Amino acid sequence: MGKKVQKSVCIFGANFMLDQVTRLEDEINSALDAQDIEHIHRMRVASRRLRNAFEHFKDCFPKKKSKTWQEDIRLITKSLGTARDLDIQIERLSQLYVESLDPQFKPGYQCLILRLKQRRVKAQNKVEKRLKNFRKVEPWRKSTWELKNSLWIQKTSTFIHLHYTKELSQQSTPPWKTS
């Protein structure tokens, strides 16, 4: 771990990051199906939040592992961003094509939409590759969970120790010497 940070900050960070990982995982199958563009959008939002969390809570994680995890998430975000941008372009141009386009421009727009859809297929292949890798990269998720739980255990044991010590100091006779 990096600089000394408060355990409560790391617990908060681990909880937040686990929530974002869960959001990513919840959308994986739907994003792989590529039937609804909103799944890609939600995954991208979660991945961006996760990347930001790594930056804010970097001192809570081992430096080497954190860099590797950040790079993995960056690649996921990049592939999702490309796919999302193409989804939006296709959606907007298709809407314009149907609603208000002058008929003389329709052949050009059809060609443009076709090219965008072809690029989207390639982008989907990259998304699939990154998400399959993400499924394999469980160690960083596990480490986040372990961090949260180990810090919680330390915090709880410290509280119990302090509480018990205070309680013992207030008693006149130790509990093991009571008759």
Protein backbone atom coordinates (compact mmCIF):
# COMPACT_ATOMS: atom_id res chain seq x y z
CA MET A 1 0.00 0.00 0.00
CA GLY A 2 1.02 3.58 -0.54
CA LYS A 3 0.83 6.41 1.97
CA LYS A 4 -0.82 5.82 5.30
CA VAL A 5 -4.54 6.34 4.83
CA GLN A 6 -7.50 6.00 7.12
CA LYS A 7 -9.00 2.55 7.16
CA SER A 8 -12.49 3.97 6.89
CA VAL A 9 -11.54 5.69 3.62
CA CYS A 10 -10.24 2.40 2.23
CA ILE A 11 -13.38 0.57 3.36
CA PHE A 12 -15.54 3.20 1.67
CA GLY A 13 -13.41 2.98 -1.47
CA ALA A 14 -13.53 -0.81 -1.53
CA ASN A 15 -17.32 -0.76 -1.14
CA PHE A 16 -17.72 1.79 -3.92
CA MET A 17 -15.40 -0.14 -6.23
CA LEU A 18 -17.14 -3.43 -5.53
CA ASP A 19 -20.43 -1.77 -6.41
CA GLN A 20 -19.00 -0.63 -9.76
CA VAL A 21 -17.54 -4.08 -10.45
CA THR A 22 -20.95 -5.58 -9.72
CA ARG A 23 -22.55 -3.12 -12.15
CA LEU A 24 -20.03 -4.13 -14.80
CA GLU A 25 -20.69 -7.81 -14.21
CA ASP A 26 -24.45 -7.32 -14.31
CA GLU A 27 -24.24 -5.94 -17.85
CA ILE A 28 -21.65 -8.28 -19.37
CA ASN A 29 -23.97 -10.85 -20.94
CA SER A 30 -26.29 -8.22 -22.36
CA ALA A 31 -23.37 -6.18 -23.69
CA LEU A 32 -21.98 -9.28 -25.38
CA ASP A 33 -25.36 -9.82 -27.07
CA ALA A 34 -25.24 -6.24 -28.39
CA GLN A 35 -29.03 -6.06 -28.69
CA ASP A 36 -29.56 -2.89 -26.66
CA ILE A 37 -27.09 -0.01 -26.69
CA GLU A 38 -27.95 0.94 -23.11
CA HIS A 39 -26.04 -2.05 -21.71
CA ILE A 40 -22.84 -0.74 -23.28
CA HIS A 41 -23.64 2.71 -21.90
CA ARG A 42 -24.17 1.44 -18.34
CA MET A 43 -21.00 -0.63 -18.49
CA ARG A 44 -19.04 2.34 -19.74
CA VAL A 45 -20.34 4.53 -16.92
CA ALA A 46 -19.41 1.89 -14.33
CA SER A 47 -15.95 1.42 -15.84
CA ARG A 48 -15.30 5.16 -15.82
CA ARG A 49 -16.40 5.39 -12.19
CA LEU A 50 -14.15 2.46 -11.36
CA ARG A 51 -11.18 4.13 -13.07
CA ASN A 52 -11.82 7.32 -11.10
CA ALA A 53 -12.09 5.34 -7.88
CA PHE A 54 -8.68 3.79 -8.51
CA GLU A 55 -7.27 7.28 -8.75
CA HIS A 56 -8.96 8.46 -5.54
CA PHE A 57 -8.23 5.34 -3.49
CA LYS A 58 -4.85 4.38 -4.98
CA ASP A 59 -3.17 4.50 -1.58
CA CYS A 60 -5.42 1.70 -0.37
CA PHE A 61 -4.03 -0.82 -2.85
CA PRO A 62 -0.64 -2.31 -3.63
CA LYS A 63 0.99 -0.04 -6.23
CA LYS A 64 2.01 -2.74 -8.75
CA LYS A 65 -1.34 -4.50 -8.72
CA SER A 66 -3.20 -1.23 -8.87
CA LYS A 67 -1.39 -0.18 -12.05
CA THR A 68 -2.23 -3.49 -13.71
CA TRP A 69 -5.87 -3.26 -12.67
CA GLN A 70 -6.11 0.34 -13.86
CA GLU A 71 -4.73 -0.62 -17.25
CA ASP A 72 -7.25 -3.48 -17.55
CA ILE A 73 -10.13 -1.15 -16.73
CA ARG A 74 -8.76 1.53 -19.08
CA LEU A 75 -8.81 -0.93 -21.97
CA ILE A 76 -12.36 -1.96 -21.13
CA THR A 77 -13.46 1.68 -20.95
CA LYS A 78 -11.77 2.45 -24.25
CA SER A 79 -13.46 -0.44 -26.09
CA LEU A 80 -16.83 0.43 -24.55
CA GLY A 81 -16.35 4.10 -25.46
CA THR A 82 -15.69 3.30 -29.10
CA ALA A 83 -18.74 1.05 -29.27
CA ARG A 84 -20.91 3.61 -27.48
CA ASP A 85 -19.83 6.44 -29.79
CA LEU A 86 -20.69 4.36 -32.85
CA ASP A 87 -24.03 3.35 -31.31
CA ILE A 88 -24.96 7.00 -30.83
CA GLN A 89 -23.85 7.98 -34.34
CA ILE A 90 -25.84 5.12 -35.89
CA GLU A 91 -28.89 5.94 -33.78
CA ARG A 92 -28.84 9.68 -34.62
CA LEU A 93 -28.22 9.21 -38.33
CA SER A 94 -30.90 6.52 -38.58
CA GLN A 95 -33.36 8.81 -36.81
CA LEU A 96 -32.49 11.69 -39.12
CA TYR A 97 -32.76 9.38 -42.14
CA VAL A 98 -36.30 8.33 -41.23
CA GLU A 99 -37.66 11.62 -39.92
CA SER A 100 -36.39 14.54 -41.93
CA LEU A 101 -33.81 13.75 -44.55
CA ASP A 102 -34.23 15.11 -48.07
CA PRO A 103 -34.65 12.10 -50.43
CA GLN A 104 -31.72 13.18 -52.58
CA PHE A 105 -29.34 12.64 -49.59
CA LYS A 106 -30.73 9.24 -48.54
CA PRO A 107 -28.35 7.10 -50.63
CA GLY A 108 -25.33 8.84 -49.10
CA TYR A 109 -26.71 8.45 -45.61
CA GLN A 110 -27.45 4.77 -46.23
CA CYS A 111 -23.82 4.29 -47.22
CA LEU A 112 -22.61 6.20 -44.14
CA ILE A 113 -24.88 4.21 -41.80
CA LEU A 114 -23.66 0.97 -43.38
CA ARG A 115 -20.02 1.96 -42.81
CA LEU A 116 -20.76 2.87 -39.20
CA LYS A 117 -22.48 -0.47 -38.65
CA GLN A 118 -19.45 -2.25 -40.09
CA ARG A 119 -17.18 -0.34 -37.72
CA ARG A 120 -19.56 -1.18 -34.89
CA VAL A 121 -19.18 -4.90 -35.59
CA LYS A 122 -15.40 -4.51 -35.30
CA ALA A 123 -15.83 -2.49 -32.11
CA GLN A 124 -18.06 -5.25 -30.70
CA ASN A 125 -15.28 -7.76 -31.31
CA LYS A 126 -12.95 -5.63 -29.19
CA VAL A 127 -15.61 -5.28 -26.50
CA GLU A 128 -16.02 -9.06 -26.43
CA LYS A 129 -12.26 -9.58 -26.15
CA ARG A 130 -11.95 -7.11 -23.27
CA LEU A 131 -14.97 -8.46 -21.42
CA LYS A 132 -13.76 -12.03 -21.72
CA ASN A 133 -10.44 -10.90 -20.28
CA PHE A 134 -12.31 -9.06 -17.53
CA ARG A 135 -14.03 -12.29 -16.54
CA LYS A 136 -10.61 -13.90 -16.19
CA VAL A 137 -9.18 -11.06 -14.10
CA GLU A 138 -10.84 -11.96 -10.85
CA PRO A 139 -7.76 -11.37 -8.67
CA TRP A 140 -8.27 -7.59 -8.50
CA ARG A 141 -11.95 -7.99 -7.66
CA LYS A 142 -11.04 -10.53 -5.02
CA SER A 143 -8.37 -8.19 -3.62
CA THR A 144 -10.88 -5.36 -3.36
CA TRP A 145 -13.25 -7.63 -1.46
CA GLU A 146 -10.44 -8.91 0.78
CA LEU A 147 -9.33 -5.36 1.51
CA LYS A 148 -12.82 -4.36 2.55
CA ASN A 149 -13.25 -7.38 4.78
CA SER A 150 -9.80 -7.29 6.35
CA LEU A 151 -10.15 -3.60 7.16
CA TRP A 152 -13.62 -4.20 8.57
CA ILE A 153 -12.26 -7.01 10.76
CA GLN A 154 -9.39 -4.82 11.97
CA LYS A 155 -11.77 -1.95 12.69
CA THR A 156 -14.19 -4.22 14.54
CA SER A 157 -11.47 -5.96 16.53
CA THR A 158 -9.97 -2.59 17.50
CA PHE A 159 -13.41 -1.38 18.63
CA ILE A 160 -14.00 -4.56 20.65
CA HIS A 161 -10.53 -4.37 22.18
CA LEU A 162 -10.98 -0.72 23.17
CA HIS A 163 -14.48 -1.33 24.48
CA TYR A 164 -13.41 -4.40 26.46
CA THR A 165 -10.32 -2.64 27.85
CA LYS A 166 -12.42 0.34 28.94
CA GLU A 167 -14.97 -1.98 30.54
CA LEU A 168 -12.25 -3.91 32.38
CA SER A 169 -10.60 -0.75 33.68
CA GLN A 170 -13.92 0.32 35.22
CA GLN A 171 -14.31 -2.94 37.15
CA SER A 172 -12.69 -3.21 40.56
CA THR A 173 -11.99 -6.93 40.24
CA PRO A 174 -11.08 -8.75 37.07
CA PRO A 175 -13.88 -10.91 35.60
CA TRP A 176 -11.89 -14.13 36.03
CA LYS A 177 -11.59 -13.53 39.80
CA THR A 178 -15.28 -13.11 40.52
CA SER A 179 -16.80 -15.78 42.71
